[in-house]
Amino acid sequence: MQSLLTLMTFEDSAPVAYVEGFQTGNLMDDPALVSACQTAYSLALSDALSQQESLALVRAAAEEHAHGHH
């Protein structure tokens, strides 16, 4: 997925998804499309590192860069 995904939920209406790419944006309110976006987001989130692991990875990359290792 090469775009920005914003999932929005509301107390008094159905959820929507907004997908934005280069010079384009699309607000989706079709329940099937919103559900597909929610599923894709959940799958991506399940593959993500924890906050601590992410921070450690960024710090390690910064250290390597600072010392000229590629």
C-alpha atoms as a PDB file:
ATOM      1  CA  MET A   1       0.000   0.000   0.000  1.00  0.00           C
ATOM      2  CA  GLN A   2       1.601   3.267  -1.094  1.00  0.00           C
ATOM      3  CA  SER A   3      -0.842   5.756   0.335  1.00  0.00           C
ATOM      4  CA  LEU A   4      -2.015   7.301   3.572  1.00  0.00           C
ATOM      5  CA  LEU A   5      -4.920   5.523   5.243  1.00  0.00           C
ATOM      6  CA  THR A   6      -7.054   7.208   7.875  1.00  0.00           C
ATOM      7  CA  LEU A   7      -9.743   5.136   9.581  1.00  0.00           C
ATOM      8  CA  MET A   8     -12.449   7.147  11.320  1.00  0.00           C
ATOM      9  CA  THR A   9     -15.079   5.906  13.746  1.00  0.00           C
ATOM     10  CA  PHE A  10     -17.969   7.919  15.150  1.00  0.00           C
ATOM     11  CA  GLU A  11     -20.429   7.406  17.983  1.00  0.00           C
ATOM     12  CA  ASP A  12     -23.480   8.218  15.864  1.00  0.00           C
ATOM     13  CA  SER A  13     -22.611   7.003  12.361  1.00  0.00           C
ATOM     14  CA  ALA A  14     -20.860   4.237  10.458  1.00  0.00           C
ATOM     15  CA  PRO A  15     -17.058   4.206  10.184  1.00  0.00           C
ATOM     16  CA  VAL A  16     -15.350   5.606   7.096  1.00  0.00           C
ATOM     17  CA  ALA A  17     -11.916   5.303   5.549  1.00  0.00           C
ATOM     18  CA  TYR A  18      -9.967   8.028   3.794  1.00  0.00           C
ATOM     19  CA  VAL A  19      -7.201   6.984   1.428  1.00  0.00           C
ATOM     20  CA  GLU A  20      -4.835   9.631   0.128  1.00  0.00           C
ATOM     21  CA  GLY A  21      -2.135   9.308  -2.481  1.00  0.00           C
ATOM     22  CA  PHE A  22      -0.170  11.662  -4.707  1.00  0.00           C
ATOM     23  CA  GLN A  23      -2.621  14.318  -5.930  1.00  0.00           C
ATOM     24  CA  THR A  24      -5.630  12.201  -5.016  1.00  0.00           C
ATOM     25  CA  GLY A  25      -7.864  11.332  -2.095  1.00  0.00           C
ATOM     26  CA  ASN A  26     -10.870   9.084  -1.641  1.00  0.00           C
ATOM     27  CA  LEU A  27     -13.368   9.012   1.209  1.00  0.00           C
ATOM     28  CA  MET A  28     -14.980   5.585   1.419  1.00  0.00           C
ATOM     29  CA  ASP A  29     -18.189   4.843   3.274  1.00  0.00           C
ATOM     30  CA  ASP A  30     -19.093   1.527   1.619  1.00  0.00           C
ATOM     31  CA  PRO A  31     -19.046  -0.962   4.539  1.00  0.00           C
ATOM     32  CA  ALA A  32     -17.224  -3.627   2.486  1.00  0.00           C
ATOM     33  CA  LEU A  33     -14.450  -1.202   1.464  1.00  0.00           C
ATOM     34  CA  VAL A  34     -14.116   0.198   4.980  1.00  0.00           C
ATOM     35  CA  SER A  35     -13.896  -3.339   6.343  1.00  0.00           C
ATOM     36  CA  ALA A  36     -11.192  -4.214   3.787  1.00  0.00           C
ATOM     37  CA  CYS A  37      -9.217  -1.135   4.860  1.00  0.00           C
ATOM     38  CA  GLN A  38      -9.612  -2.063   8.530  1.00  0.00           C
ATOM     39  CA  THR A  39      -8.380  -5.587   7.780  1.00  0.00           C
ATOM     40  CA  ALA A  40      -5.374  -4.318   5.810  1.00  0.00           C
ATOM     41  CA  TYR A  41      -4.499  -1.944   8.652  1.00  0.00           C
ATOM     42  CA  SER A  42      -4.792  -4.714  11.240  1.00  0.00           C
ATOM     43  CA  LEU A  43      -2.556  -6.998   9.188  1.00  0.00           C
ATOM     44  CA  ALA A  44       0.076  -4.287   8.773  1.00  0.00           C
ATOM     45  CA  LEU A  45      -0.077  -3.458  12.469  1.00  0.00           C
ATOM     46  CA  SER A  46       0.389  -7.115  13.400  1.00  0.00           C
ATOM     47  CA  ASP A  47       3.665  -7.161  11.419  1.00  0.00           C
ATOM     48  CA  ALA A  48       4.997  -3.977  13.036  1.00  0.00           C
ATOM     49  CA  LEU A  49       7.673  -3.995  15.699  1.00  0.00           C
ATOM     50  CA  SER A  50       6.782  -2.926  19.215  1.00  0.00           C
ATOM     51  CA  GLN A  51       7.504   0.673  20.208  1.00  0.00           C
ATOM     52  CA  GLN A  52      10.621  -0.421  22.111  1.00  0.00           C
ATOM     53  CA  GLU A  53      11.886  -2.588  19.236  1.00  0.00           C
ATOM     54  CA  SER A  54      11.236   0.216  16.740  1.00  0.00           C
ATOM     55  CA  LEU A  55      13.158   2.697  18.874  1.00  0.00           C
ATOM     56  CA  ALA A  56      16.066   0.267  19.223  1.00  0.00           C
ATOM     57  CA  LEU A  57      16.131  -0.277  15.455  1.00  0.00           C
ATOM     58  CA  VAL A  58      16.134   3.465  14.739  1.00  0.00           C
ATOM     59  CA  ARG A  59      18.867   4.064  17.316  1.00  0.00           C
ATOM     60  CA  ALA A  60      21.003   1.269  15.854  1.00  0.00           C
ATOM     61  CA  ALA A  61      20.582   2.684  12.344  1.00  0.00           C
ATOM     62  CA  ALA A  62      21.474   6.186  13.604  1.00  0.00           C
ATOM     63  CA  GLU A  63      24.591   4.824  15.314  1.00  0.00           C
ATOM     64  CA  GLU A  64      25.680   3.012  12.149  1.00  0.00           C
ATOM     65  CA  HIS A  65      25.081   6.149  10.100  1.00  0.00           C
ATOM     66  CA  ALA A  66      26.982   8.328  12.601  1.00  0.00           C
ATOM     67  CA  HIS A  67      29.969   6.001  12.413  1.00  0.00           C
ATOM     68  CA  GLY A  68      29.914   5.715   8.626  1.00  0.00           C
ATOM     69  CA  HIS A  69      28.891   2.048   8.425  1.00  0.00           C
ATOM     70  CA  HIS A  70      26.581   1.108   5.579  1.00  0.00           C
END
